N, C-alpha and C. Protein backbone atom coordinates (compact mmCIF):
# COMPACT_ATOMS: atom_id res chain seq x y z
N UNK A 1 -4.20 -9.22 7.25
CA UNK A 1 -2.78 -9.34 7.49
C UNK A 1 -2.03 -8.39 6.61
N UNK A 2 -0.99 -7.78 7.15
CA UNK A 2 -0.15 -6.87 6.42
C UNK A 2 1.16 -7.54 6.07
N UNK A 3 1.53 -7.47 4.82
CA UNK A 3 2.79 -8.06 4.34
C UNK A 3 3.81 -6.98 4.17
N UNK A 4 4.92 -7.03 4.93
CA UNK A 4 6.01 -6.11 4.78
C UNK A 4 6.98 -6.69 3.75
N UNK A 5 7.20 -6.01 2.64
CA UNK A 5 7.95 -6.57 1.48
C UNK A 5 9.10 -5.69 1.12
N UNK A 6 10.27 -6.33 0.92
CA UNK A 6 11.43 -5.62 0.39
C UNK A 6 11.93 -6.28 -0.88
N UNK A 7 11.48 -7.48 -1.18
CA UNK A 7 11.93 -8.25 -2.34
C UNK A 7 10.99 -8.06 -3.50
N UNK A 8 11.51 -7.70 -4.67
CA UNK A 8 10.69 -7.48 -5.86
C UNK A 8 9.95 -8.72 -6.34
N UNK A 9 10.61 -9.87 -6.24
CA UNK A 9 9.97 -11.13 -6.65
C UNK A 9 8.71 -11.41 -5.80
N UNK A 10 8.90 -11.28 -4.48
CA UNK A 10 7.76 -11.48 -3.58
C UNK A 10 6.67 -10.48 -3.85
N UNK A 11 7.05 -9.22 -4.06
CA UNK A 11 6.08 -8.15 -4.36
C UNK A 11 5.28 -8.48 -5.61
N UNK A 12 6.01 -8.84 -6.66
CA UNK A 12 5.33 -9.18 -7.92
C UNK A 12 4.37 -10.33 -7.76
N UNK A 13 4.67 -11.26 -6.92
CA UNK A 13 3.76 -12.43 -6.71
C UNK A 13 2.50 -11.95 -5.95
N UNK A 14 2.72 -11.12 -4.90
CA UNK A 14 1.59 -10.70 -4.06
C UNK A 14 0.61 -9.78 -4.79
N UNK A 15 1.06 -8.96 -5.72
CA UNK A 15 0.16 -8.01 -6.40
C UNK A 15 -0.71 -8.69 -7.42
N UNK A 16 -0.55 -9.96 -7.67
CA UNK A 16 -1.38 -10.67 -8.65
C UNK A 16 -2.79 -10.99 -8.17
N UNK A 17 -3.07 -10.72 -6.88
CA UNK A 17 -4.39 -10.99 -6.34
C UNK A 17 -5.46 -10.06 -6.89
N UNK A 18 -6.72 -10.37 -6.56
CA UNK A 18 -7.83 -9.55 -7.05
C UNK A 18 -7.89 -8.15 -6.41
N UNK A 19 -7.66 -8.05 -5.11
CA UNK A 19 -7.76 -6.77 -4.38
C UNK A 19 -6.51 -6.62 -3.57
N UNK A 20 -5.65 -5.73 -4.01
CA UNK A 20 -4.35 -5.53 -3.36
C UNK A 20 -4.09 -4.02 -3.12
N UNK A 21 -3.80 -3.69 -1.90
CA UNK A 21 -3.41 -2.30 -1.54
C UNK A 21 -1.99 -2.29 -1.15
N UNK A 22 -1.20 -1.42 -1.83
CA UNK A 22 0.22 -1.22 -1.49
C UNK A 22 0.39 0.13 -0.86
N UNK A 23 1.01 0.19 0.30
CA UNK A 23 1.33 1.39 1.01
C UNK A 23 2.82 1.61 0.97
N UNK A 24 3.27 2.63 0.13
CA UNK A 24 4.66 2.97 0.10
C UNK A 24 4.87 4.05 1.18
N UNK A 25 5.84 3.80 2.09
CA UNK A 25 6.06 4.65 3.23
C UNK A 25 7.54 4.74 3.59
N UNK A 26 7.84 5.54 4.59
CA UNK A 26 9.17 5.54 5.21
C UNK A 26 8.97 5.78 6.70
N UNK A 27 9.86 5.18 7.50
CA UNK A 27 9.74 5.25 8.95
C UNK A 27 9.81 6.69 9.48
N UNK A 28 10.53 7.55 8.77
CA UNK A 28 10.77 8.93 9.21
C UNK A 28 9.65 9.89 8.76
N UNK A 29 8.69 9.38 8.03
CA UNK A 29 7.60 10.24 7.44
C UNK A 29 6.44 10.37 8.39
N UNK A 30 6.14 11.60 8.81
CA UNK A 30 5.06 11.84 9.74
C UNK A 30 3.67 11.47 9.20
N UNK A 31 3.29 11.88 7.99
CA UNK A 31 1.99 11.47 7.45
C UNK A 31 1.92 9.96 7.27
N UNK A 32 3.05 9.32 6.99
CA UNK A 32 3.04 7.81 6.85
C UNK A 32 2.69 7.18 8.22
N UNK A 33 3.25 7.70 9.26
CA UNK A 33 2.94 7.22 10.62
C UNK A 33 1.52 7.41 11.02
N UNK A 34 0.94 8.49 10.56
CA UNK A 34 -0.51 8.76 10.82
C UNK A 34 -1.38 7.77 10.07
N UNK A 35 -0.97 7.43 8.84
CA UNK A 35 -1.72 6.54 7.96
C UNK A 35 -1.61 5.05 8.39
N UNK A 36 -0.48 4.71 8.94
CA UNK A 36 -0.21 3.30 9.26
C UNK A 36 -1.28 2.56 10.05
N UNK A 37 -1.78 3.15 11.15
CA UNK A 37 -2.83 2.42 11.89
C UNK A 37 -4.11 2.25 11.13
N UNK A 38 -4.39 3.18 10.23
CA UNK A 38 -5.63 3.09 9.42
C UNK A 38 -5.46 1.94 8.43
N UNK A 39 -4.29 1.78 7.85
CA UNK A 39 -3.99 0.70 6.91
C UNK A 39 -4.07 -0.63 7.64
N UNK A 40 -3.47 -0.70 8.86
CA UNK A 40 -3.53 -1.94 9.64
C UNK A 40 -4.98 -2.35 9.95
N UNK A 41 -5.80 -1.38 10.36
CA UNK A 41 -7.22 -1.63 10.66
C UNK A 41 -7.94 -2.12 9.44
N UNK A 42 -7.69 -1.45 8.32
CA UNK A 42 -8.32 -1.86 7.02
C UNK A 42 -7.99 -3.32 6.73
N UNK A 43 -6.77 -3.72 6.91
CA UNK A 43 -6.29 -5.07 6.65
C UNK A 43 -7.04 -6.06 7.57
N UNK A 44 -7.18 -5.69 8.86
CA UNK A 44 -7.86 -6.58 9.80
C UNK A 44 -9.33 -6.72 9.46
N UNK A 45 -9.94 -5.63 9.05
CA UNK A 45 -11.42 -5.60 8.83
C UNK A 45 -11.80 -6.20 7.45
N UNK A 46 -10.87 -6.35 6.55
CA UNK A 46 -11.13 -6.85 5.17
C UNK A 46 -10.15 -7.96 4.84
N UNK A 47 -10.47 -9.18 5.31
CA UNK A 47 -9.52 -10.30 5.07
C UNK A 47 -9.38 -10.68 3.58
N UNK A 48 -10.32 -10.25 2.72
CA UNK A 48 -10.19 -10.52 1.30
C UNK A 48 -9.26 -9.51 0.58
N UNK A 49 -8.77 -8.52 1.34
CA UNK A 49 -7.87 -7.50 0.78
C UNK A 49 -6.45 -7.85 1.17
N UNK A 50 -5.55 -7.99 0.19
CA UNK A 50 -4.14 -8.14 0.48
C UNK A 50 -3.53 -6.77 0.68
N UNK A 51 -2.86 -6.57 1.79
CA UNK A 51 -2.20 -5.31 2.06
C UNK A 51 -0.69 -5.51 2.13
N UNK A 52 0.00 -4.69 1.37
CA UNK A 52 1.47 -4.78 1.32
C UNK A 52 2.04 -3.39 1.75
N UNK A 53 2.96 -3.40 2.64
CA UNK A 53 3.69 -2.17 3.03
C UNK A 53 5.12 -2.26 2.45
N UNK A 54 5.52 -1.21 1.79
CA UNK A 54 6.82 -1.13 1.19
C UNK A 54 7.57 0.10 1.76
N UNK A 55 8.62 -0.15 2.50
CA UNK A 55 9.46 0.95 3.04
C UNK A 55 10.38 1.35 1.88
N UNK A 56 10.17 2.59 1.41
CA UNK A 56 10.90 3.03 0.21
C UNK A 56 12.41 3.09 0.41
N UNK A 57 12.84 3.18 1.66
CA UNK A 57 14.29 3.23 1.98
C UNK A 57 14.91 1.84 1.93
N UNK A 58 14.13 0.81 2.12
CA UNK A 58 14.59 -0.56 2.09
C UNK A 58 14.24 -1.33 0.83
N UNK A 59 13.44 -0.74 -0.04
CA UNK A 59 13.00 -1.39 -1.28
C UNK A 59 13.01 -0.39 -2.41
N UNK A 60 14.14 0.19 -2.68
CA UNK A 60 14.26 1.25 -3.70
C UNK A 60 13.88 0.76 -5.06
N UNK A 61 14.18 -0.51 -5.38
CA UNK A 61 13.87 -1.04 -6.69
C UNK A 61 12.36 -1.07 -6.91
N UNK A 62 11.58 -1.48 -5.93
CA UNK A 62 10.15 -1.48 -6.05
C UNK A 62 9.58 -0.08 -6.16
N UNK A 63 10.08 0.79 -5.32
CA UNK A 63 9.61 2.22 -5.38
C UNK A 63 9.90 2.86 -6.70
N UNK A 64 11.07 2.59 -7.25
CA UNK A 64 11.46 3.17 -8.53
C UNK A 64 10.60 2.62 -9.67
N UNK A 65 10.25 1.34 -9.58
CA UNK A 65 9.45 0.71 -10.61
C UNK A 65 8.06 1.36 -10.74
N UNK A 66 7.57 1.98 -9.65
CA UNK A 66 6.24 2.62 -9.66
C UNK A 66 6.32 4.13 -9.52
N UNK A 67 7.52 4.69 -9.80
CA UNK A 67 7.74 6.12 -9.83
C UNK A 67 7.25 6.82 -8.55
N UNK A 68 7.64 6.24 -7.39
CA UNK A 68 7.22 6.81 -6.12
C UNK A 68 8.17 7.99 -5.83
N UNK A 69 7.62 9.20 -5.80
CA UNK A 69 8.43 10.34 -5.50
C UNK A 69 7.96 11.08 -4.28
N UNK A 70 6.78 10.78 -3.80
CA UNK A 70 6.23 11.35 -2.57
C UNK A 70 5.61 10.24 -1.73
N UNK A 71 5.70 10.41 -0.44
CA UNK A 71 5.11 9.37 0.44
C UNK A 71 4.24 10.12 1.48
N UNK A 72 3.25 9.42 2.02
CA UNK A 72 2.80 8.10 1.62
C UNK A 72 2.13 8.07 0.26
N UNK A 73 2.34 7.00 -0.45
CA UNK A 73 1.62 6.75 -1.67
C UNK A 73 0.94 5.39 -1.59
N UNK A 74 -0.35 5.40 -1.89
CA UNK A 74 -1.13 4.14 -1.94
C UNK A 74 -1.42 3.82 -3.41
N UNK A 75 -1.25 2.55 -3.73
CA UNK A 75 -1.60 2.07 -5.07
C UNK A 75 -2.47 0.85 -4.91
N UNK A 76 -3.63 0.85 -5.54
CA UNK A 76 -4.54 -0.27 -5.54
C UNK A 76 -4.36 -1.07 -6.80
N UNK A 77 -4.08 -2.38 -6.65
CA UNK A 77 -3.83 -3.26 -7.74
C UNK A 77 -4.97 -4.31 -7.85
N UNK A 78 -5.21 -4.75 -9.08
CA UNK A 78 -6.08 -5.88 -9.31
C UNK A 78 -5.44 -6.76 -10.37
N UNK A 79 -5.18 -8.02 -9.99
CA UNK A 79 -4.56 -8.96 -10.88
C UNK A 79 -3.24 -8.48 -11.50
N UNK A 80 -2.43 -7.81 -10.65
CA UNK A 80 -1.11 -7.38 -11.06
C UNK A 80 -1.06 -6.00 -11.73
N UNK A 81 -2.20 -5.44 -12.00
CA UNK A 81 -2.21 -4.11 -12.70
C UNK A 81 -2.61 -3.00 -11.71
N UNK A 82 -1.87 -1.89 -11.75
CA UNK A 82 -2.28 -0.74 -10.89
C UNK A 82 -3.59 -0.17 -11.40
N UNK A 83 -4.55 0.00 -10.52
CA UNK A 83 -5.86 0.53 -10.88
C UNK A 83 -6.00 1.98 -10.53
N UNK A 84 -5.56 2.37 -9.33
CA UNK A 84 -5.61 3.78 -8.89
C UNK A 84 -4.51 4.11 -7.87
N UNK A 85 -4.26 5.38 -7.78
CA UNK A 85 -3.11 5.82 -6.93
C UNK A 85 -3.60 7.01 -6.07
N UNK A 86 -3.13 7.08 -4.84
CA UNK A 86 -3.39 8.24 -3.95
C UNK A 86 -2.07 8.64 -3.33
N UNK A 87 -1.79 9.94 -3.35
CA UNK A 87 -0.54 10.45 -2.73
C UNK A 87 -0.88 11.34 -1.57
N UNK A 88 -0.23 11.09 -0.43
CA UNK A 88 -0.49 11.88 0.75
C UNK A 88 -1.44 11.18 1.72
N UNK A 89 -1.51 11.74 2.96
CA UNK A 89 -2.38 11.14 3.96
C UNK A 89 -3.87 11.29 3.51
N UNK A 90 -4.62 10.22 3.76
CA UNK A 90 -6.07 10.29 3.53
C UNK A 90 -6.76 9.74 4.81
N UNK A 91 -7.90 10.34 5.17
CA UNK A 91 -8.65 9.82 6.40
C UNK A 91 -9.24 8.48 6.15
N UNK A 92 -9.67 7.83 7.22
CA UNK A 92 -10.18 6.47 7.17
C UNK A 92 -11.32 6.28 6.17
N UNK A 93 -12.28 7.18 6.17
CA UNK A 93 -13.42 7.05 5.27
C UNK A 93 -12.95 7.01 3.78
N UNK A 94 -12.03 7.93 3.48
CA UNK A 94 -11.50 8.00 2.11
C UNK A 94 -10.68 6.79 1.75
N UNK A 95 -9.95 6.25 2.72
CA UNK A 95 -9.20 5.04 2.49
C UNK A 95 -10.11 3.86 2.17
N UNK A 96 -11.25 3.75 2.93
CA UNK A 96 -12.16 2.68 2.70
C UNK A 96 -12.80 2.82 1.27
N UNK A 97 -13.15 4.01 0.89
CA UNK A 97 -13.69 4.25 -0.46
C UNK A 97 -12.63 3.90 -1.55
N UNK A 98 -11.36 4.23 -1.23
CA UNK A 98 -10.30 3.97 -2.22
C UNK A 98 -10.18 2.52 -2.56
N UNK A 99 -10.41 1.62 -1.59
CA UNK A 99 -10.29 0.19 -1.87
C UNK A 99 -11.67 -0.50 -1.98
N UNK A 100 -12.76 0.28 -1.86
CA UNK A 100 -14.09 -0.33 -2.00
C UNK A 100 -14.47 -1.15 -0.81
N UNK A 101 -13.98 -0.77 0.39
CA UNK A 101 -14.31 -1.51 1.61
C UNK A 101 -15.51 -0.93 2.32
N UNK A 102 -16.06 -1.71 3.24
CA UNK A 102 -17.22 -1.24 4.02
C UNK A 102 -16.77 -0.35 5.13
């Protein structure tokens, strides 16, 4: 399941999980649109992974808190702490490796 989040309180609660992928995107961003179906599929195939999508235009406070200056940006969290970050489009195999998925 993919969680679309605009509220910082909800975001802060969701990132406390063990395996959390956050996709910072914008609706007008071409590479973001190419990445979106891969992120959706990853969420479906990995029910133990919490996936959060943050539209940077609708959640500026969250984007600013993580210094998002380019999109798409993916951040992998574990127990509320950012573990790794990827900027720009990445193919499906790289996305799976990024989150440690099969």
